[in-house]
Structures are given as structure tokens and as C-alpha cells.
Amino acid sequence: MRKPVLRGRKLQRSLAKSSRQFKNQSSEVVNKIIMENKESITILKEVAALLAIQVKRGVSQTTLIKELSDVGFQPKRIAEIVGTTSNTVRVALHHYKKSSKK
């Protein structure tokens, strides 16, 4: 037995229904993935904070900024790790680069 060929409004309705079903299913999957990853992200942030505390012990802020920059961290991320503003990091990097040129 052949399936009836959908044309016109029936085709539009069928496509609209399929589209809605797909959107609902895909958004459910995305939401599930996001919820699973939120906990992992929180744990990673805590680990990063603990590592930053270890790194900061006994090291001057300027030295720490310089070393993190040399490794490839961006000023915004360095500021988060060190616990200061990105502007402070940029100024420290500017002074470091300026003094290393002399």
C-alpha cells in the first residue's frame, strides 16, 4: 500500500508539526547537556581558584602577572586569577614591557 502524497496545506501542516517536534526534542537535549555541564563548570572554577591561591603564595602580583602573560593568558583571565581588575593587569604589563625595552 502506497502512502498518500502530501500536497498543499496538508504538506505544510505535516512539515510544521515535524518541525515543532524536532525543536522540542532538540531543546530538551540541549537543556539536559547544559544542566550536566553546569556542575562540571562549577567544579572546574573551584579547582582553578584553589590553584590560583597556591600560585599566589609568596609571589609578587607583578611577577605573577608577567609569568601568566608569558604563558599566554589574556589580561582579563589573569585578573580573575590574581583577584584584581583587568586594567591593573594591563598597566602592570605595560610597565613590564616598557622596562624590558631599556
N, C-alpha and C. Protein backbone atom coordinates (compact mmCIF):
# COMPACT_ATOMS: atom_id res chain seq x y z
N MET A 1 0.84 -1.18 0.00
CA MET A 1 0.00 0.00 0.00
C MET A 1 0.89 1.25 0.00
N ARG A 2 0.59 2.14 -0.91
CA ARG A 2 1.37 3.37 -1.04
C ARG A 2 0.87 4.41 -0.06
N LYS A 3 1.85 5.20 0.41
CA LYS A 3 1.48 6.33 1.26
C LYS A 3 0.90 7.43 0.38
N PRO A 4 -0.10 8.11 0.90
CA PRO A 4 -0.65 9.20 0.10
C PRO A 4 0.37 10.35 0.00
N VAL A 5 0.42 10.96 -1.15
CA VAL A 5 1.32 12.09 -1.37
C VAL A 5 0.71 13.33 -0.76
N LEU A 6 1.50 14.02 0.07
CA LEU A 6 1.01 15.23 0.72
C LEU A 6 1.27 16.43 -0.18
N ARG A 7 0.25 17.23 -0.34
CA ARG A 7 0.37 18.44 -1.17
C ARG A 7 -0.33 19.58 -0.47
N GLY A 8 0.09 20.79 -0.81
CA GLY A 8 -0.60 21.99 -0.34
C GLY A 8 -0.61 22.12 1.16
N ARG A 9 -1.80 22.38 1.71
CA ARG A 9 -1.96 22.62 3.15
C ARG A 9 -1.59 21.40 3.99
N LYS A 10 -1.91 20.22 3.52
CA LYS A 10 -1.57 19.02 4.27
C LYS A 10 -0.05 18.90 4.43
N LEU A 11 0.67 19.21 3.37
CA LEU A 11 2.13 19.16 3.41
C LEU A 11 2.66 20.21 4.38
N GLN A 12 2.12 21.41 4.32
CA GLN A 12 2.54 22.48 5.22
C GLN A 12 2.30 22.10 6.67
N ARG A 13 1.13 21.56 6.97
CA ARG A 13 0.80 21.16 8.35
C ARG A 13 1.73 20.04 8.83
N SER A 14 1.98 19.11 7.96
CA SER A 14 2.85 17.98 8.31
C SER A 14 4.27 18.48 8.60
N LEU A 15 4.75 19.36 7.76
CA LEU A 15 6.09 19.92 7.97
C LEU A 15 6.16 20.76 9.24
N ALA A 16 5.12 21.55 9.48
CA ALA A 16 5.09 22.38 10.68
C ALA A 16 5.09 21.50 11.94
N LYS A 17 4.32 20.42 11.91
CA LYS A 17 4.25 19.51 13.05
C LYS A 17 5.61 18.85 13.28
N SER A 18 6.23 18.38 12.21
CA SER A 18 7.55 17.75 12.32
C SER A 18 8.58 18.73 12.84
N SER A 19 8.50 19.96 12.37
CA SER A 19 9.43 20.99 12.81
C SER A 19 9.28 21.26 14.30
N ARG A 20 8.04 21.38 14.78
CA ARG A 20 7.79 21.61 16.21
C ARG A 20 8.31 20.46 17.05
N GLN A 21 8.07 19.24 16.59
CA GLN A 21 8.54 18.08 17.33
C GLN A 21 10.07 18.07 17.41
N PHE A 22 10.71 18.38 16.30
CA PHE A 22 12.17 18.41 16.28
C PHE A 22 12.71 19.49 17.21
N LYS A 23 12.10 20.69 17.18
CA LYS A 23 12.54 21.77 18.05
C LYS A 23 12.41 21.39 19.51
N ASN A 24 11.28 20.78 19.87
CA ASN A 24 11.06 20.37 21.26
C ASN A 24 12.08 19.34 21.70
N GLN A 25 12.31 18.35 20.86
CA GLN A 25 13.27 17.31 21.20
C GLN A 25 14.68 17.85 21.30
N SER A 26 15.07 18.70 20.34
CA SER A 26 16.44 19.22 20.36
C SER A 26 16.65 20.17 21.54
N SER A 27 15.66 20.97 21.88
CA SER A 27 15.83 21.88 23.02
C SER A 27 15.90 21.10 24.33
N GLU A 28 15.19 19.99 24.43
CA GLU A 28 15.28 19.14 25.62
C GLU A 28 16.68 18.55 25.76
N VAL A 29 17.24 18.11 24.66
CA VAL A 29 18.59 17.55 24.68
C VAL A 29 19.62 18.61 25.07
N VAL A 30 19.49 19.79 24.49
CA VAL A 30 20.42 20.88 24.80
C VAL A 30 20.31 21.27 26.27
N ASN A 31 19.10 21.39 26.79
CA ASN A 31 18.92 21.74 28.20
C ASN A 31 19.53 20.68 29.12
N LYS A 32 19.38 19.42 28.76
CA LYS A 32 19.95 18.35 29.57
C LYS A 32 21.48 18.44 29.59
N ILE A 33 22.08 18.70 28.44
CA ILE A 33 23.53 18.83 28.36
C ILE A 33 24.01 20.02 29.17
N ILE A 34 23.31 21.12 29.09
CA ILE A 34 23.69 22.33 29.83
C ILE A 34 23.64 22.06 31.33
N MET A 35 22.59 21.41 31.80
CA MET A 35 22.46 21.13 33.23
C MET A 35 23.57 20.20 33.71
N GLU A 36 23.94 19.22 32.90
CA GLU A 36 25.01 18.31 33.28
C GLU A 36 26.35 19.03 33.33
N ASN A 37 26.55 19.99 32.42
CA ASN A 37 27.83 20.68 32.36
C ASN A 37 27.96 21.79 33.39
N LYS A 38 26.85 22.32 33.90
CA LYS A 38 26.92 23.40 34.89
C LYS A 38 27.67 22.94 36.14
N GLU A 39 27.39 21.73 36.58
CA GLU A 39 28.07 21.21 37.77
C GLU A 39 29.57 21.05 37.49
N SER A 40 29.91 20.54 36.32
CA SER A 40 31.31 20.37 35.97
C SER A 40 32.02 21.72 35.89
N ILE A 41 31.36 22.70 35.34
CA ILE A 41 31.95 24.03 35.22
C ILE A 41 32.19 24.63 36.60
N THR A 42 31.24 24.44 37.51
CA THR A 42 31.40 24.95 38.87
C THR A 42 32.60 24.31 39.55
N ILE A 43 32.75 23.01 39.39
CA ILE A 43 33.87 22.30 39.98
C ILE A 43 35.18 22.79 39.39
N LEU A 44 35.24 22.98 38.08
CA LEU A 44 36.45 23.47 37.44
C LEU A 44 36.82 24.87 37.92
N LYS A 45 35.82 25.74 38.12
CA LYS A 45 36.09 27.08 38.64
C LYS A 45 36.67 27.02 40.04
N GLU A 46 36.14 26.11 40.87
CA GLU A 46 36.66 25.96 42.23
C GLU A 46 38.11 25.46 42.21
N VAL A 47 38.41 24.51 41.35
CA VAL A 47 39.77 23.99 41.23
C VAL A 47 40.72 25.09 40.76
N ALA A 48 40.28 25.88 39.79
CA ALA A 48 41.10 26.98 39.30
C ALA A 48 41.37 28.00 40.40
N ALA A 49 40.36 28.28 41.21
CA ALA A 49 40.54 29.23 42.31
C ALA A 49 41.54 28.69 43.34
N LEU A 50 41.44 27.39 43.64
CA LEU A 50 42.38 26.79 44.60
C LEU A 50 43.81 26.80 44.05
N LEU A 51 43.97 26.51 42.78
CA LEU A 51 45.29 26.55 42.17
C LEU A 51 45.85 27.98 42.17
N ALA A 52 44.98 28.94 41.92
CA ALA A 52 45.41 30.34 41.93
C ALA A 52 45.90 30.74 43.31
N ILE A 53 45.23 30.27 44.35
CA ILE A 53 45.66 30.58 45.72
C ILE A 53 47.04 29.99 45.98
N GLN A 54 47.26 28.77 45.50
CA GLN A 54 48.57 28.15 45.67
C GLN A 54 49.65 28.92 44.93
N VAL A 55 49.35 29.33 43.72
CA VAL A 55 50.32 30.03 42.89
C VAL A 55 50.67 31.39 43.49
N LYS A 56 49.68 32.07 44.06
CA LYS A 56 49.88 33.43 44.56
C LYS A 56 50.72 33.50 45.83
N ARG A 57 50.83 32.42 46.55
CA ARG A 57 51.54 32.43 47.82
C ARG A 57 53.02 32.77 47.62
N GLY A 58 53.46 33.83 48.26
CA GLY A 58 54.87 34.19 48.26
C GLY A 58 55.38 34.80 46.97
N VAL A 59 54.50 35.12 46.04
CA VAL A 59 54.93 35.70 44.77
C VAL A 59 54.28 37.07 44.63
N SER A 60 55.08 38.05 44.17
CA SER A 60 54.50 39.38 44.00
C SER A 60 53.49 39.37 42.86
N GLN A 61 52.55 40.28 42.94
CA GLN A 61 51.49 40.35 41.93
C GLN A 61 52.08 40.63 40.55
N THR A 62 53.07 41.51 40.50
CA THR A 62 53.67 41.86 39.21
C THR A 62 54.35 40.66 38.57
N THR A 63 55.07 39.89 39.37
CA THR A 63 55.74 38.69 38.86
C THR A 63 54.72 37.68 38.35
N LEU A 64 53.67 37.50 39.12
CA LEU A 64 52.63 36.55 38.73
C LEU A 64 51.97 36.98 37.42
N ILE A 65 51.67 38.27 37.29
CA ILE A 65 51.06 38.80 36.06
C ILE A 65 51.98 38.56 34.88
N LYS A 66 53.26 38.86 35.06
CA LYS A 66 54.24 38.68 33.98
C LYS A 66 54.30 37.22 33.54
N GLU A 67 54.39 36.32 34.51
CA GLU A 67 54.51 34.89 34.19
C GLU A 67 53.25 34.35 33.51
N LEU A 68 52.10 34.74 33.99
CA LEU A 68 50.86 34.28 33.36
C LEU A 68 50.72 34.83 31.94
N SER A 69 51.17 36.06 31.75
CA SER A 69 51.13 36.65 30.41
C SER A 69 52.09 35.92 29.48
N ASP A 70 53.26 35.59 29.99
CA ASP A 70 54.25 34.87 29.17
C ASP A 70 53.74 33.50 28.74
N VAL A 71 52.91 32.88 29.58
CA VAL A 71 52.34 31.57 29.25
C VAL A 71 51.25 31.70 28.20
N GLY A 72 50.63 32.89 28.11
CA GLY A 72 49.62 33.10 27.07
C GLY A 72 48.25 33.48 27.58
N PHE A 73 48.11 33.74 28.88
CA PHE A 73 46.82 34.16 29.42
C PHE A 73 46.51 35.59 29.00
N GLN A 74 45.24 35.87 28.77
CA GLN A 74 44.78 37.21 28.44
C GLN A 74 44.63 38.03 29.73
N PRO A 75 44.75 39.36 29.65
CA PRO A 75 44.64 40.21 30.85
C PRO A 75 43.36 39.98 31.66
N LYS A 76 42.26 39.77 30.99
CA LYS A 76 41.00 39.55 31.71
C LYS A 76 41.08 38.28 32.56
N ARG A 77 41.62 37.22 31.99
CA ARG A 77 41.74 35.95 32.72
C ARG A 77 42.77 36.07 33.84
N ILE A 78 43.87 36.77 33.59
CA ILE A 78 44.89 36.99 34.63
C ILE A 78 44.27 37.73 35.81
N ALA A 79 43.45 38.72 35.51
CA ALA A 79 42.79 39.50 36.57
C ALA A 79 41.89 38.61 37.42
N GLU A 80 41.19 37.69 36.80
CA GLU A 80 40.32 36.77 37.54
C GLU A 80 41.16 35.87 38.46
N ILE A 81 42.29 35.41 37.96
CA ILE A 81 43.15 34.51 38.73
C ILE A 81 43.80 35.25 39.89
N VAL A 82 44.34 36.43 39.60
CA VAL A 82 45.08 37.20 40.62
C VAL A 82 44.13 37.87 41.61
N GLY A 83 42.93 38.17 41.17
CA GLY A 83 41.97 38.83 42.05
C GLY A 83 42.06 40.33 41.97
N THR A 84 42.23 40.84 40.78
CA THR A 84 42.32 42.29 40.57
C THR A 84 41.56 42.62 39.30
N THR A 85 41.68 43.88 38.85
CA THR A 85 40.97 44.27 37.63
C THR A 85 41.85 44.05 36.41
N SER A 86 41.20 43.95 35.27
CA SER A 86 41.98 43.75 34.03
C SER A 86 42.80 44.99 33.70
N ASN A 87 42.31 46.16 34.13
CA ASN A 87 43.07 47.39 33.88
C ASN A 87 44.39 47.37 34.67
N THR A 88 44.35 46.90 35.90
CA THR A 88 45.57 46.79 36.70
C THR A 88 46.56 45.85 36.02
N VAL A 89 46.06 44.78 35.48
CA VAL A 89 46.92 43.82 34.77
C VAL A 89 47.52 44.47 33.54
N ARG A 90 46.73 45.20 32.79
CA ARG A 90 47.23 45.86 31.58
C ARG A 90 48.31 46.89 31.92
N VAL A 91 48.10 47.64 32.99
CA VAL A 91 49.10 48.64 33.41
C VAL A 91 50.38 47.93 33.82
N ALA A 92 50.27 46.86 34.60
CA ALA A 92 51.47 46.12 35.02
C ALA A 92 52.22 45.56 33.82
N LEU A 93 51.49 45.03 32.84
CA LEU A 93 52.13 44.50 31.63
C LEU A 93 52.79 45.62 30.83
N HIS A 94 52.14 46.77 30.79
CA HIS A 94 52.71 47.92 30.08
C HIS A 94 54.04 48.33 30.72
N HIS A 95 54.05 48.44 32.06
CA HIS A 95 55.28 48.82 32.76
C HIS A 95 56.36 47.76 32.58
N TYR A 96 55.98 46.50 32.58
CA TYR A 96 56.94 45.43 32.38
C TYR A 96 57.55 45.50 30.99
N LYS A 97 56.72 45.66 29.98
CA LYS A 97 57.23 45.73 28.60
C LYS A 97 58.08 46.98 28.39
N LYS A 98 57.68 48.07 29.03
CA LYS A 98 58.42 49.31 28.90
C LYS A 98 59.80 49.18 29.55
N SER A 99 59.87 48.56 30.71
CA SER A 99 61.15 48.41 31.41
C SER A 99 62.05 47.37 30.73
N SER A 100 61.47 46.40 30.06
CA SER A 100 62.29 45.38 29.40
C SER A 100 62.91 45.91 28.10
N LYS A 101 62.37 46.98 27.56
CA LYS A 101 62.93 47.58 26.33
C LYS A 101 64.21 48.35 26.61
N LYS A 102 64.33 48.88 27.85
CA LYS A 102 65.50 49.71 28.18
C LYS A 102 66.75 48.93 28.36
